[in-house]
C-alpha atoms as a PDB file:
ATOM      1  CA  MET A   1      -1.850  12.147   2.674  1.00  0.00           C
ATOM      2  CA  SER A   2      -1.634  14.744   5.452  1.00  0.00           C
ATOM      3  CA  VAL A   3      -0.299  14.082   8.937  1.00  0.00           C
ATOM      4  CA  ALA A   4      -3.817  14.408  10.391  1.00  0.00           C
ATOM      5  CA  GLU A   5      -5.105  11.762   7.995  1.00  0.00           C
ATOM      6  CA  ARG A   6      -2.276   9.415   8.931  1.00  0.00           C
ATOM      7  CA  VAL A   7      -2.837   9.875  12.669  1.00  0.00           C
ATOM      8  CA  ARG A   8      -6.637   9.665  12.645  1.00  0.00           C
ATOM      9  CA  PRO A   9      -7.730   6.096  13.446  1.00  0.00           C
ATOM     10  CA  ALA A  10      -9.833   4.453  10.775  1.00  0.00           C
ATOM     11  CA  LEU A  11     -13.387   3.442  11.524  1.00  0.00           C
ATOM     12  CA  PRO A  12     -13.926  -0.304  11.812  1.00  0.00           C
ATOM     13  CA  ARG A  13     -15.457  -2.140   8.889  1.00  0.00           C
ATOM     14  CA  VAL A  14     -18.729  -2.093  10.833  1.00  0.00           C
ATOM     15  CA  PRO A  15     -18.916   1.527  12.071  1.00  0.00           C
ATOM     16  CA  ALA A  16     -21.611   0.657  14.629  1.00  0.00           C
ATOM     17  CA  LEU A  17     -18.890  -1.199  16.546  1.00  0.00           C
ATOM     18  CA  ALA A  18     -17.157   2.134  17.134  1.00  0.00           C
ATOM     19  CA  VAL A  19     -20.347   3.460  18.708  1.00  0.00           C
ATOM     20  CA  LEU A  20     -20.692   0.314  20.814  1.00  0.00           C
ATOM     21  CA  GLY A  21     -17.063   0.718  21.892  1.00  0.00           C
ATOM     22  CA  HIS A  22     -17.807   4.260  23.061  1.00  0.00           C
ATOM     23  CA  TYR A  23     -20.515   3.009  25.447  1.00  0.00           C
ATOM     24  CA  LEU A  24     -18.448   0.046  26.613  1.00  0.00           C
ATOM     25  CA  VAL A  25     -15.565   2.367  27.525  1.00  0.00           C
ATOM     26  CA  GLY A  26     -17.939   4.431  29.646  1.00  0.00           C
ATOM     27  CA  TYR A  27     -19.461   1.313  31.196  1.00  0.00           C
ATOM     28  CA  ARG A  28     -16.001   0.039  32.111  1.00  0.00           C
ATOM     29  CA  ARG A  29     -15.770   2.906  34.589  1.00  0.00           C
ATOM     30  CA  THR A  30     -19.208   2.365  36.153  1.00  0.00           C
ATOM     31  CA  TRP A  31     -19.961  -1.374  36.058  1.00  0.00           C
ATOM     32  CA  ARG A  32     -18.850  -1.985  39.663  1.00  0.00           C
ATOM     33  CA  ALA A  33     -21.699   0.167  40.976  1.00  0.00           C
ATOM     34  CA  GLY A  34     -24.269  -2.241  39.529  1.00  0.00           C
ATOM     35  CA  VAL A  35     -22.687  -5.604  40.233  1.00  0.00           C
ATOM     36  CA  PHE A  36     -23.991  -5.888  43.783  1.00  0.00           C
ATOM     37  CA  SER A  37     -27.553  -4.956  42.833  1.00  0.00           C
ATOM     38  CA  SER A  38     -27.449  -7.294  39.820  1.00  0.00           C
ATOM     39  CA  PHE A  39     -27.247 -10.223  42.220  1.00  0.00           C
ATOM     40  CA  LEU A  40     -28.927  -8.792  45.328  1.00  0.00           C
ATOM     41  CA  LEU A  41     -32.132  -7.600  43.680  1.00  0.00           C
ATOM     42  CA  PRO A  42     -32.890 -10.944  41.992  1.00  0.00           C
ATOM     43  CA  ALA A  43     -32.235 -12.743  45.268  1.00  0.00           C
ATOM     44  CA  LEU A  44     -34.531 -10.424  47.237  1.00  0.00           C
ATOM     45  CA  THR A  45     -37.204 -10.631  44.534  1.00  0.00           C
ATOM     46  CA  VAL A  46     -37.116 -14.430  44.454  1.00  0.00           C
ATOM     47  CA  VAL A  47     -37.237 -14.655  48.250  1.00  0.00           C
ATOM     48  CA  GLY A  48     -39.973 -12.023  48.596  1.00  0.00           C
ATOM     49  CA  PHE A  49     -42.298 -13.185  45.841  1.00  0.00           C
ATOM     50  CA  GLY A  50     -41.278 -16.796  45.379  1.00  0.00           C
ATOM     51  CA  PHE A  51     -41.167 -17.831  49.014  1.00  0.00           C
ATOM     52  CA  GLY A  52     -43.172 -15.028  50.662  1.00  0.00           C
ATOM     53  CA  VAL A  53     -46.160 -14.835  48.321  1.00  0.00           C
ATOM     54  CA  GLY A  54     -45.630 -18.440  47.231  1.00  0.00           C
ATOM     55  CA  ALA A  55     -46.311 -19.631  50.779  1.00  0.00           C
ATOM     56  CA  TYR A  56     -49.938 -18.550  50.285  1.00  0.00           C
ATOM     57  CA  VAL A  57     -50.254 -20.331  46.916  1.00  0.00           C
ATOM     58  CA  ASP A  58     -50.461 -23.838  48.320  1.00  0.00           C
ATOM     59  CA  GLN A  59     -51.367 -25.632  45.084  1.00  0.00           C
ATOM     60  CA  GLY A  60     -48.842 -23.806  42.939  1.00  0.00           C
ATOM     61  CA  VAL A  61     -49.690 -22.738  39.384  1.00  0.00           C
ATOM     62  CA  GLY A  62     -50.087 -25.108  36.477  1.00  0.00           C
ATOM     63  CA  GLY A  63     -48.868 -28.061  38.477  1.00  0.00           C
ATOM     64  CA  VAL A  64     -45.575 -26.469  39.572  1.00  0.00           C
ATOM     65  CA  SER A  65     -44.582 -24.445  42.614  1.00  0.00           C
ATOM     66  CA  TYR A  66     -45.260 -20.739  42.521  1.00  0.00           C
ATOM     67  CA  LEU A  67     -41.525 -19.995  42.700  1.00  0.00           C
ATOM     68  CA  ASP A  68     -40.744 -22.111  39.634  1.00  0.00           C
ATOM     69  CA  TRP A  69     -43.690 -20.582  37.759  1.00  0.00           C
ATOM     70  CA  LEU A  70     -42.794 -17.026  38.771  1.00  0.00           C
ATOM     71  CA  VAL A  71     -39.067 -16.982  37.988  1.00  0.00           C
ATOM     72  CA  PRO A  72     -39.268 -16.893  34.158  1.00  0.00           C
ATOM     73  CA  GLY A  73     -41.752 -14.026  34.325  1.00  0.00           C
ATOM     74  CA  LEU A  74     -39.439 -12.082  36.613  1.00  0.00           C
ATOM     75  CA  ILE A  75     -36.511 -12.704  34.258  1.00  0.00           C
ATOM     76  CA  ALA A  76     -38.446 -11.433  31.237  1.00  0.00           C
ATOM     77  CA  SER A  77     -39.829  -8.389  33.071  1.00  0.00           C
ATOM     78  CA  THR A  78     -36.359  -7.524  34.372  1.00  0.00           C
ATOM     79  CA  ALA A  79     -34.979  -7.692  30.843  1.00  0.00           C
ATOM     80  CA  MET A  80     -37.768  -5.411  29.630  1.00  0.00           C
ATOM     81  CA  GLN A  81     -37.188  -2.883  32.402  1.00  0.00           C
ATOM     82  CA  VAL A  82     -33.426  -2.811  31.786  1.00  0.00           C
ATOM     83  CA  ALA A  83     -33.976  -2.347  28.047  1.00  0.00           C
ATOM     84  CA  ILE A  84     -36.454   0.498  28.504  1.00  0.00           C
ATOM     85  CA  GLY A  85     -34.408   2.108  31.282  1.00  0.00           C
ATOM     86  CA  GLU A  86     -31.342   2.181  29.008  1.00  0.00           C
ATOM     87  CA  SER A  87     -33.446   3.543  26.129  1.00  0.00           C
ATOM     88  CA  THR A  88     -35.087   6.505  27.827  1.00  0.00           C
ATOM     89  CA  TRP A  89     -32.964   9.009  29.758  1.00  0.00           C
ATOM     90  CA  PRO A  90     -29.667   8.034  28.034  1.00  0.00           C
ATOM     91  CA  VAL A  91     -31.228   8.605  24.604  1.00  0.00           C
ATOM     92  CA  LEU A  92     -32.934  11.833  25.614  1.00  0.00           C
ATOM     93  CA  SER A  93     -29.720  13.168  27.149  1.00  0.00           C
ATOM     94  CA  ASN A  94     -27.795  12.376  23.976  1.00  0.00           C
ATOM     95  CA  PHE A  95     -30.211  14.652  22.121  1.00  0.00           C
ATOM     96  CA  ARG A  96     -31.105  17.371  24.601  1.00  0.00           C
ATOM     97  CA  TRP A  97     -28.356  17.665  27.216  1.00  0.00           C
ATOM     98  CA  ILE A  98     -24.910  16.230  26.440  1.00  0.00           C
ATOM     99  CA  LYS A  99     -25.689  15.981  22.687  1.00  0.00           C
ATOM    100  CA  THR A 100     -23.469  12.950  22.079  1.00  0.00           C
ATOM    101  CA  TYR A 101     -25.403  11.965  18.970  1.00  0.00           C
ATOM    102  CA  PHE A 102     -24.592  15.264  17.282  1.00  0.00           C
ATOM    103  CA  ALA A 103     -20.883  14.709  17.889  1.00  0.00           C
ATOM    104  CA  GLN A 104     -21.153  11.186  16.517  1.00  0.00           C
ATOM    105  CA  VAL A 105     -22.971  12.217  13.356  1.00  0.00           C
ATOM    106  CA  ALA A 106     -20.180  14.760  12.770  1.00  0.00           C
ATOM    107  CA  ALA A 107     -17.505  12.057  13.211  1.00  0.00           C
ATOM    108  CA  PRO A 108     -18.809  11.186  10.564  1.00  0.00           C
ATOM    109  CA  LEU A 109     -21.096   8.257  11.352  1.00  0.00           C
ATOM    110  CA  ARG A 110     -24.355   7.414   9.660  1.00  0.00           C
ATOM    111  CA  VAL A 111     -27.615   7.599  11.558  1.00  0.00           C
ATOM    112  CA  GLY A 112     -28.020   3.837  11.253  1.00  0.00           C
ATOM    113  CA  ASP A 113     -24.569   3.286  12.770  1.00  0.00           C
ATOM    114  CA  ILE A 114     -25.364   5.529  15.742  1.00  0.00           C
ATOM    115  CA  LEU A 115     -28.673   3.808  16.357  1.00  0.00           C
ATOM    116  CA  ALA A 116     -27.322   0.274  15.891  1.00  0.00           C
ATOM    117  CA  GLY A 117     -24.310   0.857  18.152  1.00  0.00           C
ATOM    118  CA  HIS A 118     -26.377   2.243  20.997  1.00  0.00           C
ATOM    119  CA  LEU A 119     -28.974  -0.526  20.643  1.00  0.00           C
ATOM    120  CA  ALA A 120     -26.162  -3.085  20.762  1.00  0.00           C
ATOM    121  CA  PHE A 121     -25.046  -1.649  24.096  1.00  0.00           C
ATOM    122  CA  VAL A 122     -28.615  -1.850  25.419  1.00  0.00           C
ATOM    123  CA  LEU A 123     -28.711  -5.530  24.424  1.00  0.00           C
ATOM    124  CA  PHE A 124     -25.381  -6.040  26.180  1.00  0.00           C
ATOM    125  CA  ARG A 125     -26.907  -4.636  29.375  1.00  0.00           C
ATOM    126  CA  VAL A 126     -29.971  -6.847  28.960  1.00  0.00           C
ATOM    127  CA  LEU A 127     -27.784  -9.921  28.467  1.00  0.00           C
ATOM    128  CA  THR A 128     -25.591  -9.316  31.525  1.00  0.00           C
ATOM    129  CA  SER A 129     -28.564  -8.524  33.768  1.00  0.00           C
ATOM    130  CA  THR A 130     -30.446 -11.615  32.612  1.00  0.00           C
ATOM    131  CA  ALA A 131     -27.411 -13.852  33.009  1.00  0.00           C
ATOM    132  CA  ALA A 132     -27.025 -12.659  36.603  1.00  0.00           C
ATOM    133  CA  PHE A 133     -30.731 -13.322  37.271  1.00  0.00           C
ATOM    134  CA  LEU A 134     -30.456 -16.816  35.771  1.00  0.00           C
ATOM    135  CA  LEU A 135     -27.461 -17.585  37.950  1.00  0.00           C
ATOM    136  CA  VAL A 136     -29.230 -16.476  41.124  1.00  0.00           C
ATOM    137  CA  THR A 137     -32.387 -18.436  40.352  1.00  0.00           C
ATOM    138  CA  ALA A 138     -30.329 -21.509  39.459  1.00  0.00           C
ATOM    139  CA  LEU A 139     -28.777 -21.323  42.926  1.00  0.00           C
ATOM    140  CA  PHE A 140     -32.318 -21.363  44.355  1.00  0.00           C
ATOM    141  CA  GLY A 141     -33.100 -24.470  42.297  1.00  0.00           C
ATOM    142  CA  ALA A 142     -35.881 -22.686  40.389  1.00  0.00           C
ATOM    143  CA  LEU A 143     -34.814 -23.815  36.901  1.00  0.00           C
ATOM    144  CA  ARG A 144     -36.407 -27.145  36.070  1.00  0.00           C
ATOM    145  CA  SER A 145     -35.026 -27.722  32.577  1.00  0.00           C
ATOM    146  CA  PRO A 146     -31.672 -27.401  30.755  1.00  0.00           C
ATOM    147  CA  TRP A 147     -33.642 -25.506  28.103  1.00  0.00           C
ATOM    148  CA  ALA A 148     -33.405 -22.541  30.485  1.00  0.00           C
ATOM    149  CA  VAL A 149     -30.360 -21.378  28.501  1.00  0.00           C
ATOM    150  CA  ALA A 150     -32.793 -20.541  25.683  1.00  0.00           C
ATOM    151  CA  VAL A 151     -33.985 -17.674  27.869  1.00  0.00           C
ATOM    152  CA  LEU A 152     -30.936 -15.626  26.832  1.00  0.00           C
ATOM    153  CA  PRO A 153     -31.748 -15.293  23.103  1.00  0.00           C
ATOM    154  CA  VAL A 154     -35.420 -14.762  23.963  1.00  0.00           C
ATOM    155  CA  VAL A 155     -34.694 -11.804  26.250  1.00  0.00           C
ATOM    156  CA  LEU A 156     -32.322 -10.340  23.668  1.00  0.00           C
ATOM    157  CA  LEU A 157     -35.150 -10.341  21.138  1.00  0.00           C
ATOM    158  CA  LEU A 158     -37.499  -8.910  23.766  1.00  0.00           C
ATOM    159  CA  GLY A 159     -34.926  -6.230  24.586  1.00  0.00           C
ATOM    160  CA  LEU A 160     -34.733  -5.198  20.932  1.00  0.00           C
ATOM    161  CA  ALA A 161     -38.530  -5.334  20.578  1.00  0.00           C
ATOM    162  CA  VAL A 162     -39.051  -2.821  23.403  1.00  0.00           C
ATOM    163  CA  ALA A 163     -35.833  -0.791  23.115  1.00  0.00           C
ATOM    164  CA  ALA A 164     -36.179   0.135  19.435  1.00  0.00           C
ATOM    165  CA  PRO A 165     -39.612   1.811  19.746  1.00  0.00           C
ATOM    166  CA  THR A 166     -38.516   3.367  23.048  1.00  0.00           C
ATOM    167  CA  PHE A 167     -35.529   4.925  21.250  1.00  0.00           C
ATOM    168  CA  ALA A 168     -37.999   6.515  18.835  1.00  0.00           C
ATOM    169  CA  TYR A 169     -40.177   7.778  21.681  1.00  0.00           C
ATOM    170  CA  SER A 170     -37.228   9.175  23.671  1.00  0.00           C
ATOM    171  CA  ALA A 171     -35.870  10.941  20.603  1.00  0.00           C
ATOM    172  CA  TRP A 172     -39.260  12.475  19.880  1.00  0.00           C
ATOM    173  CA  VAL A 173     -40.318  13.788  23.324  1.00  0.00           C
ATOM    174  CA  PRO A 174     -39.293  17.347  24.265  1.00  0.00           C
ATOM    175  CA  SER A 175     -38.546  16.741  27.966  1.00  0.00           C
ATOM    176  CA  ASP A 176     -37.945  13.969  30.472  1.00  0.00           C
ATOM    177  CA  SER A 177     -41.396  14.405  32.044  1.00  0.00           C
ATOM    178  CA  TRP A 178     -42.725  12.414  29.099  1.00  0.00           C
ATOM    179  CA  LEU A 179     -40.526   9.478  30.078  1.00  0.00           C
ATOM    180  CA  ALA A 180     -42.269   9.171  33.438  1.00  0.00           C
ATOM    181  CA  LEU A 181     -45.540   8.791  31.529  1.00  0.00           C
ATOM    182  CA  LEU A 182     -44.048   5.908  29.577  1.00  0.00           C
ATOM    183  CA  PHE A 183     -43.233   4.047  32.769  1.00  0.00           C
ATOM    184  CA  ARG A 184     -46.571   4.859  34.375  1.00  0.00           C
ATOM    185  CA  PHE A 185     -48.817   3.888  31.466  1.00  0.00           C
ATOM    186  CA  ALA A 186     -46.758   1.224  29.669  1.00  0.00           C
ATOM    187  CA  VAL A 187     -44.001  -0.370  31.735  1.00  0.00           C
ATOM    188  CA  ILE A 188     -45.888  -0.781  35.019  1.00  0.00           C
ATOM    189  CA  PRO A 189     -49.119  -2.116  33.439  1.00  0.00           C
ATOM    190  CA  MET A 190     -47.152  -4.578  31.325  1.00  0.00           C
ATOM    191  CA  THR A 191     -45.241  -5.787  34.365  1.00  0.00           C
ATOM    192  CA  LEU A 192     -48.437  -6.271  36.376  1.00  0.00           C
ATOM    193  CA  PHE A 193     -50.770  -7.741  33.762  1.00  0.00           C
ATOM    194  CA  ALA A 194     -48.633  -9.576  31.161  1.00  0.00           C
ATOM    195  CA  GLY A 195     -48.480 -12.899  32.979  1.00  0.00           C
ATOM    196  CA  VAL A 196     -45.506 -12.252  35.245  1.00  0.00           C
ATOM    197  CA  PHE A 197     -47.229 -12.679  38.629  1.00  0.00           C
ATOM    198  CA  PHE A 198     -50.417 -14.542  37.725  1.00  0.00           C
ATOM    199  CA  PRO A 199     -51.851 -16.298  34.652  1.00  0.00           C
ATOM    200  CA  VAL A 200     -53.256 -13.981  32.008  1.00  0.00           C
ATOM    201  CA  GLU A 201     -56.237 -16.327  31.689  1.00  0.00           C
ATOM    202  CA  SER A 202     -57.533 -15.060  35.036  1.00  0.00           C
ATOM    203  CA  LEU A 203     -58.054 -11.576  33.567  1.00  0.00           C
ATOM    204  CA  PRO A 204     -61.353 -10.408  32.025  1.00  0.00           C
ATOM    205  CA  SER A 205     -61.549 -11.029  28.287  1.00  0.00           C
ATOM    206  CA  GLY A 206     -60.831  -7.436  27.224  1.00  0.00           C
ATOM    207  CA  LEU A 207     -57.773  -7.065  29.447  1.00  0.00           C
ATOM    208  CA  ARG A 208     -56.606 -10.516  28.398  1.00  0.00           C
ATOM    209  CA  GLN A 209     -56.469  -9.446  24.755  1.00  0.00           C
ATOM    210  CA  LEU A 210     -54.466  -6.364  25.714  1.00  0.00           C
ATOM    211  CA  ALA A 211     -52.028  -8.563  27.630  1.00  0.00           C
ATOM    212  CA  TYR A 212     -51.617 -10.830  24.611  1.00  0.00           C
ATOM    213  CA  ALA A 213     -50.799  -7.767  22.507  1.00  0.00           C
ATOM    214  CA  THR A 214     -47.830  -6.778  24.671  1.00  0.00           C
ATOM    215  CA  PRO A 215     -44.358  -8.022  23.703  1.00  0.00           C
ATOM    216  CA  LEU A 216     -43.681  -8.911  27.325  1.00  0.00           C
ATOM    217  CA  TRP A 217     -46.350 -11.635  27.432  1.00  0.00           C
ATOM    218  CA  HIS A 218     -44.822 -13.391  24.423  1.00  0.00           C
ATOM    219  CA  ALA A 219     -41.379 -13.362  26.045  1.00  0.00           C
ATOM    220  CA  VAL A 220     -42.815 -14.523  29.383  1.00  0.00           C
ATOM    221  CA  ASP A 221     -44.530 -17.468  27.709  1.00  0.00           C
ATOM    222  CA  LEU A 222     -41.329 -18.470  25.907  1.00  0.00           C
ATOM    223  CA  CYS A 223     -39.168 -18.080  29.016  1.00  0.00           C
ATOM    224  CA  ARG A 224     -41.643 -20.048  31.128  1.00  0.00           C
ATOM    225  CA  ALA A 225     -41.690 -22.856  28.573  1.00  0.00           C
ATOM    226  CA  ALA A 226     -37.885 -22.913  28.547  1.00  0.00           C
ATOM    227  CA  THR A 227     -37.332 -22.952  32.307  1.00  0.00           C
ATOM    228  CA  LEU A 228     -40.126 -25.471  32.978  1.00  0.00           C
ATOM    229  CA  GLY A 229     -39.373 -27.663  29.967  1.00  0.00           C
ATOM    230  CA  VAL A 230     -42.940 -27.511  28.603  1.00  0.00           C
ATOM    231  CA  ALA A 231     -44.581 -26.310  25.393  1.00  0.00           C
ATOM    232  CA  PRO A 232     -45.559 -22.614  25.253  1.00  0.00           C
ATOM    233  CA  GLN A 233     -49.201 -21.564  24.950  1.00  0.00           C
ATOM    234  CA  TRP A 234     -48.537 -20.159  21.477  1.00  0.00           C
ATOM    235  CA  SER A 235     -46.229 -21.615  18.855  1.00  0.00           C
ATOM    236  CA  VAL A 236     -42.575 -20.740  19.263  1.00  0.00           C
ATOM    237  CA  SER A 237     -42.405 -19.337  15.741  1.00  0.00           C
ATOM    238  CA  GLY A 238     -45.488 -17.192  16.381  1.00  0.00           C
ATOM    239  CA  HIS A 239     -43.922 -15.682  19.498  1.00  0.00           C
ATOM    240  CA  LEU A 240     -40.623 -15.010  17.759  1.00  0.00           C
ATOM    241  CA  LEU A 241     -42.241 -13.467  14.694  1.00  0.00           C
ATOM    242  CA  TYR A 242     -44.370 -11.181  16.854  1.00  0.00           C
ATOM    243  CA  LEU A 243     -41.351  -9.955  18.820  1.00  0.00           C
ATOM    244  CA  ALA A 244     -39.370  -9.560  15.593  1.00  0.00           C
ATOM    245  CA  ALA A 245     -42.188  -7.452  14.124  1.00  0.00           C
ATOM    246  CA  TRP A 246     -42.008  -5.110  17.123  1.00  0.00           C
ATOM    247  CA  ALA A 247     -38.219  -4.884  16.712  1.00  0.00           C
ATOM    248  CA  VAL A 248     -38.335  -4.161  12.975  1.00  0.00           C
ATOM    249  CA  ALA A 249     -41.142  -1.607  13.266  1.00  0.00           C
ATOM    250  CA  GLY A 250     -39.368   0.078  16.181  1.00  0.00           C
ATOM    251  CA  TRP A 251     -36.102   0.203  14.242  1.00  0.00           C
ATOM    252  CA  LEU A 252     -37.745   1.820  11.205  1.00  0.00           C
ATOM    253  CA  VAL A 253     -39.534   4.445  13.282  1.00  0.00           C
ATOM    254  CA  ALA A 254     -36.450   5.140  15.427  1.00  0.00           C
ATOM    255  CA  ARG A 255     -34.224   5.585  12.385  1.00  0.00           C
ATOM    256  CA  ARG A 256     -36.709   8.010  10.865  1.00  0.00           C
ATOM    257  CA  VAL A 257     -36.948  10.082  14.064  1.00  0.00           C
ATOM    258  CA  PHE A 258     -33.158  10.040  14.545  1.00  0.00           C
ATOM    259  CA  ARG A 259     -32.637  11.172  10.939  1.00  0.00           C
ATOM    260  CA  ARG A 260     -35.095  14.018  11.386  1.00  0.00           C
ATOM    261  CA  GLU A 261     -33.284  15.185  14.544  1.00  0.00           C
ATOM    262  CA  LEU A 262     -29.677  14.701  13.400  1.00  0.00           C
ATOM    263  CA  VAL A 263     -29.614  15.386   9.661  1.00  0.00           C
ATOM    264  CA  VAL A 264     -30.038  19.019   8.759  1.00  0.00           C
END
């Protein structure tokens, strides 16, 4: 065994953990910049929408105050936005600008390890952002049930359901101008019409079916059921299977696109 082989650190038994460690090391240097906004933005959002807009919704929604009804939708939409935000420009830059993925595949790491490690970091960001949002809303007394802790696994599944196909999209597009289109025609409409701010049932029939097709609506319904302590509109297993289908399909497409870009 040569000296270089003795000095080189061995990859962990799960190589994706090495990729996750790479992103965590970078995040360790930048996390302080986002701590303040992680707590301030949820507080401002709850005050602005929950108390500001809620003051005009005298009867509440579904027998509860507008603030209590709104909070789970805001939590789910925040998780979705964090997941997609971490899956767009960072992924594109790793292909087009700083080319981190090419260095990782030469490490050597398999394409699946690179994809899984980066997705794990995205889920870490989703989890920390959601936990901060839950803490803020708990301080406002907007969580009506101890089942609110079930929001955390739900948003992790939502994060994977939207991040995996977004990884595929970001790896496929030639420039970052395409990412703005994703936010304009997918993220913003989902946020506005997937049951976050008002019941989907108030939409026309055609738009209602489109809302039901989005992964965000399924997560919103589950989160709302958890924080209010009521049954969801769909079955829990149906929601989870639908989100899992998005995650699996996104993973398969992302791995194929990553392999095409990274493997010569």
